[in-house]
Amino acid sequence: RHLDFLLLAAVAALVSYGLLVLSAVTRDD
């Protein structure tokens, strides 16, 4: 209950966005 869920949500969103970006920029590498 005392976890910072907003911090975890922000990290999860950033990691997911990063994977999406990485998939797009490296698809032809």
mmCIF file of all heavy atoms, coordinates in Angstrom:
data_MODEL
# 
_entry.id   MODEL 
# 
loop_
_atom_site.group_PDB 
_atom_site.id 
_atom_site.type_symbol 
_atom_site.label_atom_id 
_atom_site.label_alt_id 
_atom_site.label_comp_id 
_atom_site.label_asym_id 
_atom_site.label_entity_id 
_atom_site.label_seq_id 
_atom_site.pdbx_PDB_ins_code 
_atom_site.Cartn_x 
_atom_site.Cartn_y 
_atom_site.Cartn_z 
_atom_site.occupancy 
_atom_site.B_iso_or_equiv 
_atom_site.pdbx_formal_charge 
_atom_site.auth_seq_id 
_atom_site.auth_comp_id 
_atom_site.auth_asym_id 
_atom_site.auth_atom_id 
_atom_site.pdbx_PDB_model_num 
ATOM 1   N N   . ARG A 1 1  ? 0.822  -1.223 0.000   1.00 0.00 ? 1  ARG A N   1 
ATOM 2   C CA  . ARG A 1 1  ? 0.000  0.000  0.000   1.00 0.00 ? 1  ARG A CA  1 
ATOM 3   C C   . ARG A 1 1  ? 0.851  1.265  0.000   1.00 0.00 ? 1  ARG A C   1 
ATOM 4   O O   . ARG A 1 1  ? 0.402  2.319  -0.452  1.00 0.00 ? 1  ARG A O   1 
ATOM 5   C CB  . ARG A 1 1  ? -0.928 0.022  1.225   1.00 0.00 ? 1  ARG A CB  1 
ATOM 6   C CG  . ARG A 1 1  ? -2.110 -0.906 1.138   1.00 0.00 ? 1  ARG A CG  1 
ATOM 7   C CD  . ARG A 1 1  ? -3.165 -0.548 2.177   1.00 0.00 ? 1  ARG A CD  1 
ATOM 8   N NE  . ARG A 1 1  ? -2.619 -0.555 3.531   1.00 0.00 ? 1  ARG A NE  1 
ATOM 9   C CZ  . ARG A 1 1  ? -2.567 -1.627 4.310   1.00 0.00 ? 1  ARG A CZ  1 
ATOM 10  N NH1 . ARG A 1 1  ? -3.007 -2.791 3.845   1.00 0.00 ? 1  ARG A NH1 1 
ATOM 11  N NH2 . ARG A 1 1  ? -2.073 -1.546 5.540   1.00 0.00 ? 1  ARG A NH2 1 
ATOM 12  N N   . HIS A 1 2  ? 2.071  1.169  0.506   1.00 0.00 ? 2  HIS A N   1 
ATOM 13  C CA  . HIS A 1 2  ? 2.912  2.351  0.619   1.00 0.00 ? 2  HIS A CA  1 
ATOM 14  C C   . HIS A 1 2  ? 3.874  2.527  -0.555  1.00 0.00 ? 2  HIS A C   1 
ATOM 15  O O   . HIS A 1 2  ? 4.750  3.387  -0.511  1.00 0.00 ? 2  HIS A O   1 
ATOM 16  C CB  . HIS A 1 2  ? 3.698  2.312  1.934   1.00 0.00 ? 2  HIS A CB  1 
ATOM 17  C CG  . HIS A 1 2  ? 2.836  2.537  3.138   1.00 0.00 ? 2  HIS A CG  1 
ATOM 18  N ND1 . HIS A 1 2  ? 2.433  1.527  3.978   1.00 0.00 ? 2  HIS A ND1 1 
ATOM 19  C CD2 . HIS A 1 2  ? 2.269  3.667  3.630   1.00 0.00 ? 2  HIS A CD2 1 
ATOM 20  C CE1 . HIS A 1 2  ? 1.681  2.017  4.942   1.00 0.00 ? 2  HIS A CE1 1 
ATOM 21  N NE2 . HIS A 1 2  ? 1.567  3.321  4.754   1.00 0.00 ? 2  HIS A NE2 1 
ATOM 22  N N   . LEU A 1 3  ? 3.736  1.721  -1.571  1.00 0.00 ? 3  LEU A N   1 
ATOM 23  C CA  . LEU A 1 3  ? 4.528  1.925  -2.778  1.00 0.00 ? 3  LEU A CA  1 
ATOM 24  C C   . LEU A 1 3  ? 4.103  3.213  -3.475  1.00 0.00 ? 3  LEU A C   1 
ATOM 25  O O   . LEU A 1 3  ? 2.948  3.649  -3.359  1.00 0.00 ? 3  LEU A O   1 
ATOM 26  C CB  . LEU A 1 3  ? 4.355  0.750  -3.744  1.00 0.00 ? 3  LEU A CB  1 
ATOM 27  C CG  . LEU A 1 3  ? 4.996  -0.585 -3.345  1.00 0.00 ? 3  LEU A CG  1 
ATOM 28  C CD1 . LEU A 1 3  ? 4.536  -1.689 -4.296  1.00 0.00 ? 3  LEU A CD1 1 
ATOM 29  C CD2 . LEU A 1 3  ? 6.513  -0.493 -3.346  1.00 0.00 ? 3  LEU A CD2 1 
ATOM 30  N N   . ASP A 1 4  ? 5.017  3.818  -4.196  1.00 0.00 ? 4  ASP A N   1 
ATOM 31  C CA  . ASP A 1 4  ? 4.689  5.001  -4.993  1.00 0.00 ? 4  ASP A CA  1 
ATOM 32  C C   . ASP A 1 4  ? 4.213  4.516  -6.360  1.00 0.00 ? 4  ASP A C   1 
ATOM 33  O O   . ASP A 1 4  ? 5.007  4.331  -7.284  1.00 0.00 ? 4  ASP A O   1 
ATOM 34  C CB  . ASP A 1 4  ? 5.917  5.902  -5.134  1.00 0.00 ? 4  ASP A CB  1 
ATOM 35  C CG  . ASP A 1 4  ? 5.582  7.243  -5.768  1.00 0.00 ? 4  ASP A CG  1 
ATOM 36  O OD1 . ASP A 1 4  ? 4.561  7.324  -6.470  1.00 0.00 ? 4  ASP A OD1 1 
ATOM 37  O OD2 . ASP A 1 4  ? 6.346  8.203  -5.560  1.00 0.00 ? 4  ASP A OD2 1 
ATOM 38  N N   . PHE A 1 5  ? 2.913  4.301  -6.476  1.00 0.00 ? 5  PHE A N   1 
ATOM 39  C CA  . PHE A 1 5  ? 2.360  3.731  -7.702  1.00 0.00 ? 5  PHE A CA  1 
ATOM 40  C C   . PHE A 1 5  ? 2.436  4.711  -8.868  1.00 0.00 ? 5  PHE A C   1 
ATOM 41  O O   . PHE A 1 5  ? 2.510  4.297  -10.021 1.00 0.00 ? 5  PHE A O   1 
ATOM 42  C CB  . PHE A 1 5  ? 0.915  3.284  -7.470  1.00 0.00 ? 5  PHE A CB  1 
ATOM 43  C CG  . PHE A 1 5  ? 0.795  2.066  -6.598  1.00 0.00 ? 5  PHE A CG  1 
ATOM 44  C CD1 . PHE A 1 5  ? 0.444  2.184  -5.268  1.00 0.00 ? 5  PHE A CD1 1 
ATOM 45  C CD2 . PHE A 1 5  ? 1.080  0.803  -7.108  1.00 0.00 ? 5  PHE A CD2 1 
ATOM 46  C CE1 . PHE A 1 5  ? 0.349  1.057  -4.457  1.00 0.00 ? 5  PHE A CE1 1 
ATOM 47  C CE2 . PHE A 1 5  ? 0.990  -0.326 -6.310  1.00 0.00 ? 5  PHE A CE2 1 
ATOM 48  C CZ  . PHE A 1 5  ? 0.622  -0.200 -4.979  1.00 0.00 ? 5  PHE A CZ  1 
ATOM 49  N N   . LEU A 1 6  ? 2.430  6.003  -8.577  1.00 0.00 ? 6  LEU A N   1 
ATOM 50  C CA  . LEU A 1 6  ? 2.555  6.982  -9.655  1.00 0.00 ? 6  LEU A CA  1 
ATOM 51  C C   . LEU A 1 6  ? 3.945  6.908  -10.281 1.00 0.00 ? 6  LEU A C   1 
ATOM 52  O O   . LEU A 1 6  ? 4.095  6.986  -11.509 1.00 0.00 ? 6  LEU A O   1 
ATOM 53  C CB  . LEU A 1 6  ? 2.285  8.385  -9.117  1.00 0.00 ? 6  LEU A CB  1 
ATOM 54  C CG  . LEU A 1 6  ? 2.227  9.513  -10.150 1.00 0.00 ? 6  LEU A CG  1 
ATOM 55  C CD1 . LEU A 1 6  ? 1.213  9.201  -11.243 1.00 0.00 ? 6  LEU A CD1 1 
ATOM 56  C CD2 . LEU A 1 6  ? 1.884  10.844 -9.474  1.00 0.00 ? 6  LEU A CD2 1 
ATOM 57  N N   . LEU A 1 7  ? 4.965  6.729  -9.453  1.00 0.00 ? 7  LEU A N   1 
ATOM 58  C CA  . LEU A 1 7  ? 6.327  6.562  -9.964  1.00 0.00 ? 7  LEU A CA  1 
ATOM 59  C C   . LEU A 1 7  ? 6.427  5.292  -10.799 1.00 0.00 ? 7  LEU A C   1 
ATOM 60  O O   . LEU A 1 7  ? 7.000  5.295  -11.901 1.00 0.00 ? 7  LEU A O   1 
ATOM 61  C CB  . LEU A 1 7  ? 7.324  6.507  -8.807  1.00 0.00 ? 7  LEU A CB  1 
ATOM 62  C CG  . LEU A 1 7  ? 8.781  6.173  -9.167  1.00 0.00 ? 7  LEU A CG  1 
ATOM 63  C CD1 . LEU A 1 7  ? 9.355  7.207  -10.120 1.00 0.00 ? 7  LEU A CD1 1 
ATOM 64  C CD2 . LEU A 1 7  ? 9.639  6.074  -7.908  1.00 0.00 ? 7  LEU A CD2 1 
ATOM 65  N N   . LEU A 1 8  ? 5.861  4.200  -10.306 1.00 0.00 ? 8  LEU A N   1 
ATOM 66  C CA  . LEU A 1 8  ? 5.897  2.938  -11.059 1.00 0.00 ? 8  LEU A CA  1 
ATOM 67  C C   . LEU A 1 8  ? 5.158  3.066  -12.384 1.00 0.00 ? 8  LEU A C   1 
ATOM 68  O O   . LEU A 1 8  ? 5.611  2.539  -13.410 1.00 0.00 ? 8  LEU A O   1 
ATOM 69  C CB  . LEU A 1 8  ? 5.288  1.812  -10.211 1.00 0.00 ? 8  LEU A CB  1 
ATOM 70  C CG  . LEU A 1 8  ? 6.073  1.390  -8.965  1.00 0.00 ? 8  LEU A CG  1 
ATOM 71  C CD1 . LEU A 1 8  ? 5.302  0.326  -8.197  1.00 0.00 ? 8  LEU A CD1 1 
ATOM 72  C CD2 . LEU A 1 8  ? 7.456  0.861  -9.354  1.00 0.00 ? 8  LEU A CD2 1 
ATOM 73  N N   . ALA A 1 9  ? 4.027  3.769  -12.370 1.00 0.00 ? 9  ALA A N   1 
ATOM 74  C CA  . ALA A 1 9  ? 3.262  3.945  -13.604 1.00 0.00 ? 9  ALA A CA  1 
ATOM 75  C C   . ALA A 1 9  ? 4.045  4.767  -14.622 1.00 0.00 ? 9  ALA A C   1 
ATOM 76  O O   . ALA A 1 9  ? 4.048  4.466  -15.826 1.00 0.00 ? 9  ALA A O   1 
ATOM 77  C CB  . ALA A 1 9  ? 1.927  4.623  -13.291 1.00 0.00 ? 9  ALA A CB  1 
ATOM 78  N N   . ALA A 1 10 ? 4.718  5.815  -14.141 1.00 0.00 ? 10 ALA A N   1 
ATOM 79  C CA  . ALA A 1 10 ? 5.519  6.645  -15.041 1.00 0.00 ? 10 ALA A CA  1 
ATOM 80  C C   . ALA A 1 10 ? 6.667  5.850  -15.649 1.00 0.00 ? 10 ALA A C   1 
ATOM 81  O O   . ALA A 1 10 ? 6.963  5.974  -16.846 1.00 0.00 ? 10 ALA A O   1 
ATOM 82  C CB  . ALA A 1 10 ? 6.049  7.862  -14.291 1.00 0.00 ? 10 ALA A CB  1 
ATOM 83  N N   . VAL A 1 11 ? 7.327  5.022  -14.828 1.00 0.00 ? 11 VAL A N   1 
ATOM 84  C CA  . VAL A 1 11 ? 8.426  4.194  -15.326 1.00 0.00 ? 11 VAL A CA  1 
ATOM 85  C C   . VAL A 1 11 ? 7.911  3.175  -16.343 1.00 0.00 ? 11 VAL A C   1 
ATOM 86  O O   . VAL A 1 11 ? 8.527  2.977  -17.398 1.00 0.00 ? 11 VAL A O   1 
ATOM 87  C CB  . VAL A 1 11 ? 9.132  3.479  -14.151 1.00 0.00 ? 11 VAL A CB  1 
ATOM 88  C CG1 . VAL A 1 11 ? 10.114 2.430  -14.672 1.00 0.00 ? 11 VAL A CG1 1 
ATOM 89  C CG2 . VAL A 1 11 ? 9.854  4.497  -13.276 1.00 0.00 ? 11 VAL A CG2 1 
ATOM 90  N N   . ALA A 1 12 ? 6.782  2.543  -16.039 1.00 0.00 ? 12 ALA A N   1 
ATOM 91  C CA  . ALA A 1 12 ? 6.206  1.560  -16.965 1.00 0.00 ? 12 ALA A CA  1 
ATOM 92  C C   . ALA A 1 12 ? 5.843  2.215  -18.298 1.00 0.00 ? 12 ALA A C   1 
ATOM 93  O O   . ALA A 1 12 ? 6.098  1.652  -19.377 1.00 0.00 ? 12 ALA A O   1 
ATOM 94  C CB  . ALA A 1 12 ? 4.974  0.910  -16.340 1.00 0.00 ? 12 ALA A CB  1 
ATOM 95  N N   . ALA A 1 13 ? 5.258  3.408  -18.231 1.00 0.00 ? 13 ALA A N   1 
ATOM 96  C CA  . ALA A 1 13 ? 4.892  4.118  -19.458 1.00 0.00 ? 13 ALA A CA  1 
ATOM 97  C C   . ALA A 1 13 ? 6.126  4.501  -20.261 1.00 0.00 ? 13 ALA A C   1 
ATOM 98  O O   . ALA A 1 13 ? 6.151  4.375  -21.493 1.00 0.00 ? 13 ALA A O   1 
ATOM 99  C CB  . ALA A 1 13 ? 4.075  5.361  -19.112 1.00 0.00 ? 13 ALA A CB  1 
ATOM 100 N N   . LEU A 1 14 ? 7.163  4.954  -19.563 1.00 0.00 ? 14 LEU A N   1 
ATOM 101 C CA  . LEU A 1 14 ? 8.385  5.365  -20.254 1.00 0.00 ? 14 LEU A CA  1 
ATOM 102 C C   . LEU A 1 14 ? 9.086  4.176  -20.903 1.00 0.00 ? 14 LEU A C   1 
ATOM 103 O O   . LEU A 1 14 ? 9.554  4.268  -22.045 1.00 0.00 ? 14 LEU A O   1 
ATOM 104 C CB  . LEU A 1 14 ? 9.324  6.050  -19.261 1.00 0.00 ? 14 LEU A CB  1 
ATOM 105 C CG  . LEU A 1 14 ? 10.604 6.663  -19.840 1.00 0.00 ? 14 LEU A CG  1 
ATOM 106 C CD1 . LEU A 1 14 ? 10.271 7.721  -20.884 1.00 0.00 ? 14 LEU A CD1 1 
ATOM 107 C CD2 . LEU A 1 14 ? 11.447 7.276  -18.725 1.00 0.00 ? 14 LEU A CD2 1 
ATOM 108 N N   . VAL A 1 15 ? 9.161  3.059  -20.186 1.00 0.00 ? 15 VAL A N   1 
ATOM 109 C CA  . VAL A 1 15 ? 9.789  1.863  -20.747 1.00 0.00 ? 15 VAL A CA  1 
ATOM 110 C C   . VAL A 1 15 ? 9.004  1.367  -21.966 1.00 0.00 ? 15 VAL A C   1 
ATOM 111 O O   . VAL A 1 15 ? 9.590  1.004  -22.996 1.00 0.00 ? 15 VAL A O   1 
ATOM 112 C CB  . VAL A 1 15 ? 9.900  0.764  -19.676 1.00 0.00 ? 15 VAL A CB  1 
ATOM 113 C CG1 . VAL A 1 15 ? 10.305 -0.567 -20.308 1.00 0.00 ? 15 VAL A CG1 1 
ATOM 114 C CG2 . VAL A 1 15 ? 10.907 1.156  -18.609 1.00 0.00 ? 15 VAL A CG2 1 
ATOM 115 N N   . SER A 1 16 ? 7.684  1.354  -21.870 1.00 0.00 ? 16 SER A N   1 
ATOM 116 C CA  . SER A 1 16 ? 6.853  0.917  -22.994 1.00 0.00 ? 16 SER A CA  1 
ATOM 117 C C   . SER A 1 16 ? 7.033  1.835  -24.198 1.00 0.00 ? 16 SER A C   1 
ATOM 118 O O   . SER A 1 16 ? 7.160  1.369  -25.339 1.00 0.00 ? 16 SER A O   1 
ATOM 119 C CB  . SER A 1 16 ? 5.380  0.893  -22.566 1.00 0.00 ? 16 SER A CB  1 
ATOM 120 O OG  . SER A 1 16 ? 5.174  0.009  -21.489 1.00 0.00 ? 16 SER A OG  1 
ATOM 121 N N   . TYR A 1 17 ? 7.051  3.125  -23.927 1.00 0.00 ? 17 TYR A N   1 
ATOM 122 C CA  . TYR A 1 17 ? 7.261  4.097  -25.012 1.00 0.00 ? 17 TYR A CA  1 
ATOM 123 C C   . TYR A 1 17 ? 8.644  3.911  -25.627 1.00 0.00 ? 17 TYR A C   1 
ATOM 124 O O   . TYR A 1 17 ? 8.817  3.975  -26.845 1.00 0.00 ? 17 TYR A O   1 
ATOM 125 C CB  . TYR A 1 17 ? 7.109  5.501  -24.435 1.00 0.00 ? 17 TYR A CB  1 
ATOM 126 C CG  . TYR A 1 17 ? 6.976  6.597  -25.470 1.00 0.00 ? 17 TYR A CG  1 
ATOM 127 C CD1 . TYR A 1 17 ? 6.351  6.372  -26.689 1.00 0.00 ? 17 TYR A CD1 1 
ATOM 128 C CD2 . TYR A 1 17 ? 7.475  7.870  -25.214 1.00 0.00 ? 17 TYR A CD2 1 
ATOM 129 C CE1 . TYR A 1 17 ? 6.213  7.387  -27.621 1.00 0.00 ? 17 TYR A CE1 1 
ATOM 130 C CE2 . TYR A 1 17 ? 7.342  8.901  -26.137 1.00 0.00 ? 17 TYR A CE2 1 
ATOM 131 C CZ  . TYR A 1 17 ? 6.711  8.647  -27.338 1.00 0.00 ? 17 TYR A CZ  1 
ATOM 132 O OH  . TYR A 1 17 ? 6.584  9.657  -28.265 1.00 0.00 ? 17 TYR A OH  1 
ATOM 133 N N   . GLY A 1 18 ? 9.637  3.648  -24.773 1.00 0.00 ? 18 GLY A N   1 
ATOM 134 C CA  . GLY A 1 18 ? 10.987 3.430  -25.274 1.00 0.00 ? 18 GLY A CA  1 
ATOM 135 C C   . GLY A 1 18 ? 11.077 2.203  -26.168 1.00 0.00 ? 18 GLY A C   1 
ATOM 136 O O   . GLY A 1 18 ? 11.767 2.223  -27.197 1.00 0.00 ? 18 GLY A O   1 
ATOM 137 N N   . LEU A 1 19 ? 10.399 1.134  -25.791 1.00 0.00 ? 19 LEU A N   1 
ATOM 138 C CA  . LEU A 1 19 ? 10.397 -0.078 -26.629 1.00 0.00 ? 19 LEU A CA  1 
ATOM 139 C C   . LEU A 1 19 ? 9.720  0.195  -27.966 1.00 0.00 ? 19 LEU A C   1 
ATOM 140 O O   . LEU A 1 19 ? 10.169 -0.296 -29.014 1.00 0.00 ? 19 LEU A O   1 
ATOM 141 C CB  . LEU A 1 19 ? 9.678  -1.213 -25.892 1.00 0.00 ? 19 LEU A CB  1 
ATOM 142 C CG  . LEU A 1 19 ? 10.416 -1.819 -24.700 1.00 0.00 ? 19 LEU A CG  1 
ATOM 143 C CD1 . LEU A 1 19 ? 9.511  -2.793 -23.964 1.00 0.00 ? 19 LEU A CD1 1 
ATOM 144 C CD2 . LEU A 1 19 ? 11.693 -2.522 -25.151 1.00 0.00 ? 19 LEU A CD2 1 
ATOM 145 N N   . LEU A 1 20 ? 8.653  0.985  -27.934 1.00 0.00 ? 20 LEU A N   1 
ATOM 146 C CA  . LEU A 1 20 ? 7.963  1.349  -29.173 1.00 0.00 ? 20 LEU A CA  1 
ATOM 147 C C   . LEU A 1 20 ? 8.878  2.159  -30.082 1.00 0.00 ? 20 LEU A C   1 
ATOM 148 O O   . LEU A 1 20 ? 8.968  1.908  -31.297 1.00 0.00 ? 20 LEU A O   1 
ATOM 149 C CB  . LEU A 1 20 ? 6.702  2.145  -28.836 1.00 0.00 ? 20 LEU A CB  1 
ATOM 150 C CG  . LEU A 1 20 ? 5.843  2.612  -30.021 1.00 0.00 ? 20 LEU A CG  1 
ATOM 151 C CD1 . LEU A 1 20 ? 5.255  1.409  -30.752 1.00 0.00 ? 20 LEU A CD1 1 
ATOM 152 C CD2 . LEU A 1 20 ? 4.727  3.537  -29.554 1.00 0.00 ? 20 LEU A CD2 1 
ATOM 153 N N   . VAL A 1 21 ? 9.576  3.111  -29.499 1.00 0.00 ? 21 VAL A N   1 
ATOM 154 C CA  . VAL A 1 21 ? 10.509 3.949  -30.271 1.00 0.00 ? 21 VAL A CA  1 
ATOM 155 C C   . VAL A 1 21 ? 11.649 3.098  -30.814 1.00 0.00 ? 21 VAL A C   1 
ATOM 156 O O   . VAL A 1 21 ? 12.015 3.201  -31.995 1.00 0.00 ? 21 VAL A O   1 
ATOM 157 C CB  . VAL A 1 21 ? 11.055 5.084  -29.390 1.00 0.00 ? 21 VAL A CB  1 
ATOM 158 C CG1 . VAL A 1 21 ? 12.196 5.811  -30.089 1.00 0.00 ? 21 VAL A CG1 1 
ATOM 159 C CG2 . VAL A 1 21 ? 9.946  6.059  -29.023 1.00 0.00 ? 21 VAL A CG2 1 
ATOM 160 N N   . LEU A 1 22 ? 12.219 2.250  -29.975 1.00 0.00 ? 22 LEU A N   1 
ATOM 161 C CA  . LEU A 1 22 ? 13.343 1.417  -30.395 1.00 0.00 ? 22 LEU A CA  1 
ATOM 162 C C   . LEU A 1 22 ? 12.942 0.480  -31.522 1.00 0.00 ? 22 LEU A C   1 
ATOM 163 O O   . LEU A 1 22 ? 13.712 0.257  -32.464 1.00 0.00 ? 22 LEU A O   1 
ATOM 164 C CB  . LEU A 1 22 ? 13.857 0.610  -29.196 1.00 0.00 ? 22 LEU A CB  1 
ATOM 165 C CG  . LEU A 1 22 ? 15.173 -0.133 -29.396 1.00 0.00 ? 22 LEU A CG  1 
ATOM 166 C CD1 . LEU A 1 22 ? 16.319 0.849  -29.615 1.00 0.00 ? 22 LEU A CD1 1 
ATOM 167 C CD2 . LEU A 1 22 ? 15.477 -1.020 -28.189 1.00 0.00 ? 22 LEU A CD2 1 
ATOM 168 N N   . SER A 1 23 ? 11.737 -0.066 -31.454 1.00 0.00 ? 23 SER A N   1 
ATOM 169 C CA  . SER A 1 23 ? 11.257 -0.945 -32.517 1.00 0.00 ? 23 SER A CA  1 
ATOM 170 C C   . SER A 1 23 ? 11.188 -0.217 -33.850 1.00 0.00 ? 23 SER A C   1 
ATOM 171 O O   . SER A 1 23 ? 11.539 -0.769 -34.904 1.00 0.00 ? 23 SER A O   1 
ATOM 172 C CB  . SER A 1 23 ? 9.871  -1.484 -32.145 1.00 0.00 ? 23 SER A CB  1 
ATOM 173 O OG  . SER A 1 23 ? 9.330  -2.267 -33.185 1.00 0.00 ? 23 SER A OG  1 
ATOM 174 N N   . ALA A 1 24 ? 10.763 1.049  -33.801 1.00 0.00 ? 24 ALA A N   1 
ATOM 175 C CA  . ALA A 1 24 ? 10.620 1.821  -35.033 1.00 0.00 ? 24 ALA A CA  1 
ATOM 176 C C   . ALA A 1 24 ? 11.964 2.243  -35.614 1.00 0.00 ? 24 ALA A C   1 
ATOM 177 O O   . ALA A 1 24 ? 12.168 2.196  -36.829 1.00 0.00 ? 24 ALA A O   1 
ATOM 178 C CB  . ALA A 1 24 ? 9.752  3.051  -34.776 1.00 0.00 ? 24 ALA A CB  1 
ATOM 179 N N   . VAL A 1 25 ? 12.912 2.627  -34.766 1.00 0.00 ? 25 VAL A N   1 
ATOM 180 C CA  . VAL A 1 25 ? 14.167 3.178  -35.278 1.00 0.00 ? 25 VAL A CA  1 
ATOM 181 C C   . VAL A 1 25 ? 15.179 2.110  -35.658 1.00 0.00 ? 25 VAL A C   1 
ATOM 182 O O   . VAL A 1 25 ? 16.170 2.407  -36.326 1.00 0.00 ? 25 VAL A O   1 
ATOM 183 C CB  . VAL A 1 25 ? 14.811 4.154  -34.258 1.00 0.00 ? 25 VAL A CB  1 
ATOM 184 C CG1 . VAL A 1 25 ? 13.829 5.262  -33.891 1.00 0.00 ? 25 VAL A CG1 1 
ATOM 185 C CG2 . VAL A 1 25 ? 15.297 3.433  -33.027 1.00 0.00 ? 25 VAL A CG2 1 
ATOM 186 N N   . THR A 1 26 ? 14.957 0.867  -35.246 1.00 0.00 ? 26 THR A N   1 
ATOM 187 C CA  . THR A 1 26 ? 15.933 -0.201 -35.543 1.00 0.00 ? 26 THR A CA  1 
ATOM 188 C C   . THR A 1 26 ? 15.379 -1.282 -36.460 1.00 0.00 ? 26 THR A C   1 
ATOM 189 O O   . THR A 1 26 ? 16.033 -2.296 -36.669 1.00 0.00 ? 26 THR A O   1 
ATOM 190 C CB  . THR A 1 26 ? 16.412 -0.877 -34.233 1.00 0.00 ? 26 THR A CB  1 
ATOM 191 O OG1 . THR A 1 26 ? 15.296 -1.492 -33.573 1.00 0.00 ? 26 THR A OG1 1 
ATOM 192 C CG2 . THR A 1 26 ? 17.057 0.133  -33.304 1.00 0.00 ? 26 THR A CG2 1 
ATOM 193 N N   . ARG A 1 27 ? 14.213 -1.072 -37.021 1.00 0.00 ? 27 ARG A N   1 
ATOM 194 C CA  . ARG A 1 27 ? 13.568 -2.132 -37.795 1.00 0.00 ? 27 ARG A CA  1 
ATOM 195 C C   . ARG A 1 27 ? 14.360 -2.525 -39.035 1.00 0.00 ? 27 ARG A C   1 
ATOM 196 O O   . ARG A 1 27 ? 14.235 -3.652 -39.527 1.00 0.00 ? 27 ARG A O   1 
ATOM 197 C CB  . ARG A 1 27 ? 12.166 -1.695 -38.202 1.00 0.00 ? 27 ARG A CB  1 
ATOM 198 C CG  . ARG A 1 27 ? 12.122 -0.455 -39.096 1.00 0.00 ? 27 ARG A CG  1 
ATOM 199 C CD  . ARG A 1 27 ? 10.729 -0.152 -39.569 1.00 0.00 ? 27 ARG A CD  1 
ATOM 200 N NE  . ARG A 1 27 ? 10.733 0.888  -40.596 1.00 0.00 ? 27 ARG A NE  1 
ATOM 201 C CZ  . ARG A 1 27 ? 9.701  1.133  -41.399 1.00 0.00 ? 27 ARG A CZ  1 
ATOM 202 N NH1 . ARG A 1 27 ? 8.590  0.434  -41.279 1.00 0.00 ? 27 ARG A NH1 1 
ATOM 203 N NH2 . ARG A 1 27 ? 9.795  2.083  -42.309 1.00 0.00 ? 27 ARG A NH2 1 
ATOM 204 N N   . ASP A 1 28 ? 15.186 -1.607 -39.552 1.00 0.00 ? 28 ASP A N   1 
ATOM 205 C CA  . ASP A 1 28 ? 15.973 -1.906 -40.761 1.00 0.00 ? 28 ASP A CA  1 
ATOM 206 C C   . ASP A 1 28 ? 17.456 -2.113 -40.455 1.00 0.00 ? 28 ASP A C   1 
ATOM 207 O O   . ASP A 1 28 ? 18.258 -2.259 -41.382 1.00 0.00 ? 28 ASP A O   1 
ATOM 208 C CB  . ASP A 1 28 ? 15.831 -0.759 -41.777 1.00 0.00 ? 28 ASP A CB  1 
ATOM 209 C CG  . ASP A 1 28 ? 14.389 -0.570 -42.234 1.00 0.00 ? 28 ASP A CG  1 
ATOM 210 O OD1 . ASP A 1 28 ? 13.693 -1.584 -42.424 1.00 0.00 ? 28 ASP A OD1 1 
ATOM 211 O OD2 . ASP A 1 28 ? 13.957 0.596  -42.379 1.00 0.00 ? 28 ASP A OD2 1 
ATOM 212 N N   . ASP A 1 29 ? 17.824 -2.133 -39.189 1.00 0.00 ? 29 ASP A N   1 
ATOM 213 C CA  . ASP A 1 29 ? 19.240 -2.207 -38.842 1.00 0.00 ? 29 ASP A CA  1 
ATOM 214 C C   . ASP A 1 29 ? 19.839 -3.590 -39.047 1.00 0.00 ? 29 ASP A C   1 
ATOM 215 O O   . ASP A 1 29 ? 21.031 -3.726 -39.357 1.00 0.00 ? 29 ASP A O   1 
ATOM 216 C CB  . ASP A 1 29 ? 19.444 -1.779 -37.380 1.00 0.00 ? 29 ASP A CB  1 
ATOM 217 C CG  . ASP A 1 29 ? 19.295 -0.278 -37.184 1.00 0.00 ? 29 ASP A CG  1 
ATOM 218 O OD1 . ASP A 1 29 ? 18.990 0.410  -38.164 1.00 0.00 ? 29 ASP A OD1 1 
ATOM 219 O OD2 . ASP A 1 29 ? 19.495 0.195  -36.055 1.00 0.00 ? 29 ASP A OD2 1 
# 
